[in-house]
């Protein structure tokens, strides 16, 4: 992970069938509706959150 590297995280699947923990992780990433996205700095904390809900997200490098 280089300095100032960023990733774009997009919610592509609904959280309706997800556990409350997974819903809170998606909310902590700043995602609310399907096709909403946020740009985050690529660090270990964000990578861990993405790994927990990877089946709901699409991740791209910016």
PDB file of N, CA and C in Angstrom:
ATOM      1  N   UNK A   1       0.837  -1.181   0.000  1.00  0.00           N
ATOM      2  CA  UNK A   1       0.000   0.000   0.000  1.00  0.00           C
ATOM      3  C   UNK A   1       0.884   1.248   0.000  1.00  0.00           C
ATOM      4  N   UNK A   2       0.800   1.987  -1.056  1.00  0.00           N
ATOM      5  CA  UNK A   2       1.607   3.196  -1.177  1.00  0.00           C
ATOM      6  C   UNK A   2       0.944   4.365  -0.450  1.00  0.00           C
ATOM      7  N   UNK A   3       1.708   5.423  -0.249  1.00  0.00           N
ATOM      8  CA  UNK A   3       1.160   6.616   0.382  1.00  0.00           C
ATOM      9  C   UNK A   3       0.102   7.243  -0.511  1.00  0.00           C
ATOM     10  N   UNK A   4      -0.965   7.699   0.109  1.00  0.00           N
ATOM     11  CA  UNK A   4      -2.048   8.410  -0.571  1.00  0.00           C
ATOM     12  C   UNK A   4      -2.763   7.577  -1.626  1.00  0.00           C
ATOM     13  N   UNK A   5      -2.657   6.264  -1.560  1.00  0.00           N
ATOM     14  CA  UNK A   5      -3.395   5.426  -2.495  1.00  0.00           C
ATOM     15  C   UNK A   5      -4.841   5.369  -2.029  1.00  0.00           C
ATOM     16  N   UNK A   6      -5.772   5.503  -2.967  1.00  0.00           N
ATOM     17  CA  UNK A   6      -7.181   5.523  -2.596  1.00  0.00           C
ATOM     18  C   UNK A   6      -7.951   4.445  -3.346  1.00  0.00           C
ATOM     19  N   UNK A   7      -9.071   4.028  -2.732  1.00  0.00           N
ATOM     20  CA  UNK A   7      -9.938   3.046  -3.358  1.00  0.00           C
ATOM     21  C   UNK A   7     -11.371   3.557  -3.338  1.00  0.00           C
ATOM     22  N   UNK A   8     -12.122   3.166  -4.363  1.00  0.00           N
ATOM     23  CA  UNK A   8     -13.533   3.522  -4.466  1.00  0.00           C
ATOM     24  C   UNK A   8     -14.337   2.279  -4.105  1.00  0.00           C
ATOM     25  N   UNK A   9     -15.191   2.408  -3.087  1.00  0.00           N
ATOM     26  CA  UNK A   9     -15.993   1.293  -2.597  1.00  0.00           C
ATOM     27  C   UNK A   9     -17.447   1.564  -2.959  1.00  0.00           C
ATOM     28  N   UNK A  10     -18.071   0.633  -3.690  1.00  0.00           N
ATOM     29  CA  UNK A  10     -19.448   0.796  -4.154  1.00  0.00           C
ATOM     30  C   UNK A  10     -20.307  -0.336  -3.610  1.00  0.00           C
ATOM     31  N   UNK A  11     -21.479   0.005  -3.083  1.00  0.00           N
ATOM     32  CA  UNK A  11     -22.428  -1.000  -2.601  1.00  0.00           C
ATOM     33  C   UNK A  11     -23.214  -1.513  -3.808  1.00  0.00           C
ATOM     34  N   UNK A  12     -23.117  -2.805  -4.104  1.00  0.00           N
ATOM     35  CA  UNK A  12     -23.775  -3.371  -5.282  1.00  0.00           C
ATOM     36  C   UNK A  12     -24.889  -4.347  -4.926  1.00  0.00           C
ATOM     37  N   UNK A  13     -25.008  -4.711  -3.650  1.00  0.00           N
ATOM     38  CA  UNK A  13     -26.040  -5.651  -3.238  1.00  0.00           C
ATOM     39  C   UNK A  13     -26.693  -5.142  -1.966  1.00  0.00           C
ATOM     40  N   UNK A  14     -27.971  -5.394  -1.821  1.00  0.00           N
ATOM     41  CA  UNK A  14     -28.731  -4.913  -0.672  1.00  0.00           C
ATOM     42  C   UNK A  14     -28.270  -5.576   0.623  1.00  0.00           C
ATOM     43  N   UNK A  15     -28.454  -4.855   1.719  1.00  0.00           N
ATOM     44  CA  UNK A  15     -28.094  -5.384   3.036  1.00  0.00           C
ATOM     45  C   UNK A  15     -29.290  -6.016   3.744  1.00  0.00           C
ATOM     46  N   UNK A  16     -30.392  -6.220   3.037  1.00  0.00           N
ATOM     47  CA  UNK A  16     -31.615  -6.720   3.674  1.00  0.00           C
ATOM     48  C   UNK A  16     -31.402  -8.061   4.380  1.00  0.00           C
ATOM     49  N   UNK A  17     -30.730  -9.006   3.740  1.00  0.00           N
ATOM     50  CA  UNK A  17     -30.550 -10.322   4.349  1.00  0.00           C
ATOM     51  C   UNK A  17     -29.306 -10.438   5.205  1.00  0.00           C
ATOM     52  N   UNK A  18     -28.623  -9.341   5.415  1.00  0.00           N
ATOM     53  CA  UNK A  18     -27.352  -9.364   6.142  1.00  0.00           C
ATOM     54  C   UNK A  18     -27.564  -9.332   7.651  1.00  0.00           C
ATOM     55  N   UNK A  19     -26.521  -9.718   8.364  1.00  0.00           N
ATOM     56  CA  UNK A  19     -26.571  -9.668   9.823  1.00  0.00           C
ATOM     57  C   UNK A  19     -26.463  -8.209  10.290  1.00  0.00           C
ATOM     58  N   UNK A  20     -26.888  -7.916  11.504  1.00  0.00           N
ATOM     59  CA  UNK A  20     -26.741  -6.541  12.017  1.00  0.00           C
ATOM     60  C   UNK A  20     -25.284  -6.068  12.013  1.00  0.00           C
ATOM     61  N   UNK A  21     -24.338  -6.975  12.262  1.00  0.00           N
ATOM     62  CA  UNK A  21     -22.921  -6.612  12.227  1.00  0.00           C
ATOM     63  C   UNK A  21     -22.510  -6.160  10.830  1.00  0.00           C
ATOM     64  N   UNK A  22     -22.940  -6.917   9.806  1.00  0.00           N
ATOM     65  CA  UNK A  22     -22.595  -6.556   8.435  1.00  0.00           C
ATOM     66  C   UNK A  22     -23.231  -5.225   8.042  1.00  0.00           C
ATOM     67  N   UNK A  23     -24.445  -4.979   8.487  1.00  0.00           N
ATOM     68  CA  UNK A  23     -25.111  -3.705   8.207  1.00  0.00           C
ATOM     69  C   UNK A  23     -24.351  -2.548   8.835  1.00  0.00           C
ATOM     70  N   UNK A  24     -23.832  -2.755  10.040  1.00  0.00           N
ATOM     71  CA  UNK A  24     -23.094  -1.686  10.701  1.00  0.00           C
ATOM     72  C   UNK A  24     -21.752  -1.424  10.014  1.00  0.00           C
ATOM     73  N   UNK A  25     -21.126  -2.466   9.473  1.00  0.00           N
ATOM     74  CA  UNK A  25     -19.870  -2.278   8.740  1.00  0.00           C
ATOM     75  C   UNK A  25     -20.118  -1.482   7.463  1.00  0.00           C
ATOM     76  N   UNK A  26     -21.193  -1.805   6.751  1.00  0.00           N
ATOM     77  CA  UNK A  26     -21.542  -1.063   5.532  1.00  0.00           C
ATOM     78  C   UNK A  26     -21.819   0.398   5.874  1.00  0.00           C
ATOM     79  N   UNK A  27     -22.537   0.645   6.964  1.00  0.00           N
ATOM     80  CA  UNK A  27     -22.822   2.021   7.386  1.00  0.00           C
ATOM     81  C   UNK A  27     -21.536   2.744   7.771  1.00  0.00           C
ATOM     82  N   UNK A  28     -20.617   2.055   8.422  1.00  0.00           N
ATOM     83  CA  UNK A  28     -19.350   2.664   8.828  1.00  0.00           C
ATOM     84  C   UNK A  28     -18.489   3.020   7.617  1.00  0.00           C
ATOM     85  N   UNK A  29     -18.664   2.295   6.530  1.00  0.00           N
ATOM     86  CA  UNK A  29     -17.961   2.631   5.294  1.00  0.00           C
ATOM     87  C   UNK A  29     -18.595   3.836   4.602  1.00  0.00           C
ATOM     88  N   UNK A  30     -19.754   4.278   5.089  1.00  0.00           N
ATOM     89  CA  UNK A  30     -20.413   5.459   4.534  1.00  0.00           C
ATOM     90  C   UNK A  30     -21.357   5.143   3.393  1.00  0.00           C
ATOM     91  N   UNK A  31     -21.788   3.894   3.290  1.00  0.00           N
ATOM     92  CA  UNK A  31     -22.664   3.480   2.186  1.00  0.00           C
ATOM     93  C   UNK A  31     -24.090   3.320   2.693  1.00  0.00           C
ATOM     94  N   UNK A  32     -25.048   3.859   1.938  1.00  0.00           N
ATOM     95  CA  UNK A  32     -26.437   3.803   2.371  1.00  0.00           C
ATOM     96  C   UNK A  32     -27.325   3.059   1.386  1.00  0.00           C
ATOM     97  N   UNK A  33     -27.270   3.431   0.129  1.00  0.00           N
ATOM     98  CA  UNK A  33     -28.140   2.831  -0.878  1.00  0.00           C
ATOM     99  C   UNK A  33     -27.302   2.055  -1.883  1.00  0.00           C
ATOM    100  N   UNK A  34     -27.960   1.175  -2.620  1.00  0.00           N
ATOM    101  CA  UNK A  34     -27.288   0.449  -3.683  1.00  0.00           C
ATOM    102  C   UNK A  34     -26.776   1.463  -4.705  1.00  0.00           C
ATOM    103  N   UNK A  35     -25.589   1.218  -5.221  1.00  0.00           N
ATOM    104  CA  UNK A  35     -24.861   2.077  -6.162  1.00  0.00           C
ATOM    105  C   UNK A  35     -24.307   3.351  -5.527  1.00  0.00           C
ATOM    106  N   UNK A  36     -24.404   3.488  -4.201  1.00  0.00           N
ATOM    107  CA  UNK A  36     -23.714   4.600  -3.544  1.00  0.00           C
ATOM    108  C   UNK A  36     -22.250   4.211  -3.405  1.00  0.00           C
ATOM    109  N   UNK A  37     -21.369   5.207  -3.403  1.00  0.00           N
ATOM    110  CA  UNK A  37     -19.939   4.912  -3.306  1.00  0.00           C
ATOM    111  C   UNK A  37     -19.250   5.942  -2.434  1.00  0.00           C
ATOM    112  N   UNK A  38     -18.099   5.556  -1.937  1.00  0.00           N
ATOM    113  CA  UNK A  38     -17.235   6.437  -1.159  1.00  0.00           C
ATOM    114  C   UNK A  38     -15.797   6.155  -1.569  1.00  0.00           C
ATOM    115  N   UNK A  39     -14.978   7.173  -1.483  1.00  0.00           N
ATOM    116  CA  UNK A  39     -13.556   7.011  -1.751  1.00  0.00           C
ATOM    117  C   UNK A  39     -12.829   7.068  -0.412  1.00  0.00           C
ATOM    118  N   UNK A  40     -12.075   6.022  -0.129  1.00  0.00           N
ATOM    119  CA  UNK A  40     -11.351   5.894   1.137  1.00  0.00           C
ATOM    120  C   UNK A  40      -9.860   5.759   0.869  1.00  0.00           C
ATOM    121  N   UNK A  41      -9.049   6.147   1.844  1.00  0.00           N
ATOM    122  CA  UNK A  41      -7.623   5.852   1.788  1.00  0.00           C
ATOM    123  C   UNK A  41      -7.448   4.349   1.987  1.00  0.00           C
ATOM    124  N   UNK A  42      -6.536   3.769   1.234  1.00  0.00           N
ATOM    125  CA  UNK A  42      -6.313   2.324   1.302  1.00  0.00           C
ATOM    126  C   UNK A  42      -5.402   2.013   2.486  1.00  0.00           C
ATOM    127  N   UNK A  43      -6.003   1.543   3.589  1.00  0.00           N
ATOM    128  CA  UNK A  43      -5.212   1.171   4.762  1.00  0.00           C
ATOM    129  C   UNK A  43      -5.758  -0.131   5.343  1.00  0.00           C
ATOM    130  N   UNK A  44      -5.090  -0.656   6.339  1.00  0.00           N
ATOM    131  CA  UNK A  44      -5.438  -1.959   6.910  1.00  0.00           C
ATOM    132  C   UNK A  44      -6.839  -1.963   7.512  1.00  0.00           C
ATOM    133  N   UNK A  45      -7.247  -0.869   8.129  1.00  0.00           N
ATOM    134  CA  UNK A  45      -8.567  -0.787   8.755  1.00  0.00           C
ATOM    135  C   UNK A  45      -9.670  -0.922   7.706  1.00  0.00           C
ATOM    136  N   UNK A  46      -9.561  -0.160   6.642  1.00  0.00           N
ATOM    137  CA  UNK A  46     -10.564  -0.199   5.572  1.00  0.00           C
ATOM    138  C   UNK A  46     -10.548  -1.562   4.885  1.00  0.00           C
ATOM    139  N   UNK A  47      -9.368  -2.127   4.670  1.00  0.00           N
ATOM    140  CA  UNK A  47      -9.266  -3.444   4.034  1.00  0.00           C
ATOM    141  C   UNK A  47      -9.967  -4.515   4.868  1.00  0.00           C
ATOM    142  N   UNK A  48      -9.844  -4.435   6.190  1.00  0.00           N
ATOM    143  CA  UNK A  48     -10.522  -5.387   7.065  1.00  0.00           C
ATOM    144  C   UNK A  48     -12.032  -5.262   6.983  1.00  0.00           C
ATOM    145  N   UNK A  49     -12.525  -4.024   6.916  1.00  0.00           N
ATOM    146  CA  UNK A  49     -13.959  -3.799   6.801  1.00  0.00           C
ATOM    147  C   UNK A  49     -14.481  -4.329   5.467  1.00  0.00           C
ATOM    148  N   UNK A  50     -13.715  -4.089   4.402  1.00  0.00           N
ATOM    149  CA  UNK A  50     -14.111  -4.565   3.073  1.00  0.00           C
ATOM    150  C   UNK A  50     -14.162  -6.091   3.047  1.00  0.00           C
ATOM    151  N   UNK A  51     -13.208  -6.732   3.698  1.00  0.00           N
ATOM    152  CA  UNK A  51     -13.151  -8.194   3.708  1.00  0.00           C
ATOM    153  C   UNK A  51     -14.386  -8.798   4.384  1.00  0.00           C
ATOM    154  N   UNK A  52     -14.899  -8.128   5.427  1.00  0.00           N
ATOM    155  CA  UNK A  52     -16.067  -8.629   6.152  1.00  0.00           C
ATOM    156  C   UNK A  52     -17.335  -8.617   5.308  1.00  0.00           C
ATOM    157  N   UNK A  53     -17.454  -7.657   4.384  1.00  0.00           N
ATOM    158  CA  UNK A  53     -18.683  -7.528   3.581  1.00  0.00           C
ATOM    159  C   UNK A  53     -18.364  -7.517   2.087  1.00  0.00           C
ATOM    160  N   UNK A  54     -17.334  -8.248   1.690  1.00  0.00           N
ATOM    161  CA  UNK A  54     -16.882  -8.233   0.294  1.00  0.00           C
ATOM    162  C   UNK A  54     -17.952  -8.721  -0.686  1.00  0.00           C
ATOM    163  N   UNK A  55     -18.867  -9.565  -0.220  1.00  0.00           N
ATOM    164  CA  UNK A  55     -19.917 -10.085  -1.096  1.00  0.00           C
ATOM    165  C   UNK A  55     -20.969  -9.018  -1.440  1.00  0.00           C
ATOM    166  N   UNK A  56     -20.929  -7.879  -0.764  1.00  0.00           N
ATOM    167  CA  UNK A  56     -21.885  -6.800  -1.019  1.00  0.00           C
ATOM    168  C   UNK A  56     -21.274  -5.633  -1.783  1.00  0.00           C
ATOM    169  N   UNK A  57     -19.949  -5.651  -1.975  1.00  0.00           N
ATOM    170  CA  UNK A  57     -19.236  -4.486  -2.479  1.00  0.00           C
ATOM    171  C   UNK A  57     -18.511  -4.739  -3.789  1.00  0.00           C
ATOM    172  N   UNK A  58     -18.213  -3.632  -4.459  1.00  0.00           N
ATOM    173  CA  UNK A  58     -17.282  -3.628  -5.589  1.00  0.00           C
ATOM    174  C   UNK A  58     -16.195  -2.628  -5.212  1.00  0.00           C
ATOM    175  N   UNK A  59     -14.931  -3.021  -5.368  1.00  0.00           N
ATOM    176  CA  UNK A  59     -13.818  -2.173  -4.962  1.00  0.00           C
ATOM    177  C   UNK A  59     -12.941  -1.894  -6.182  1.00  0.00           C
ATOM    178  N   UNK A  60     -12.607  -0.603  -6.402  1.00  0.00           N
ATOM    179  CA  UNK A  60     -11.755  -0.200  -7.513  1.00  0.00           C
ATOM    180  C   UNK A  60     -10.674   0.734  -7.002  1.00  0.00           C
ATOM    181  N   UNK A  61      -9.512   0.682  -7.626  1.00  0.00           N
ATOM    182  CA  UNK A  61      -8.449   1.642  -7.291  1.00  0.00           C
ATOM    183  C   UNK A  61      -8.734   2.939  -8.024  1.00  0.00           C
ATOM    184  N   UNK A  62      -8.438   4.059  -7.349  1.00  0.00           N
ATOM    185  CA  UNK A  62      -8.673   5.378  -7.953  1.00  0.00           C
ATOM    186  C   UNK A  62      -7.361   5.922  -8.463  1.00  0.00           C
TER     187      UNK A  62
END
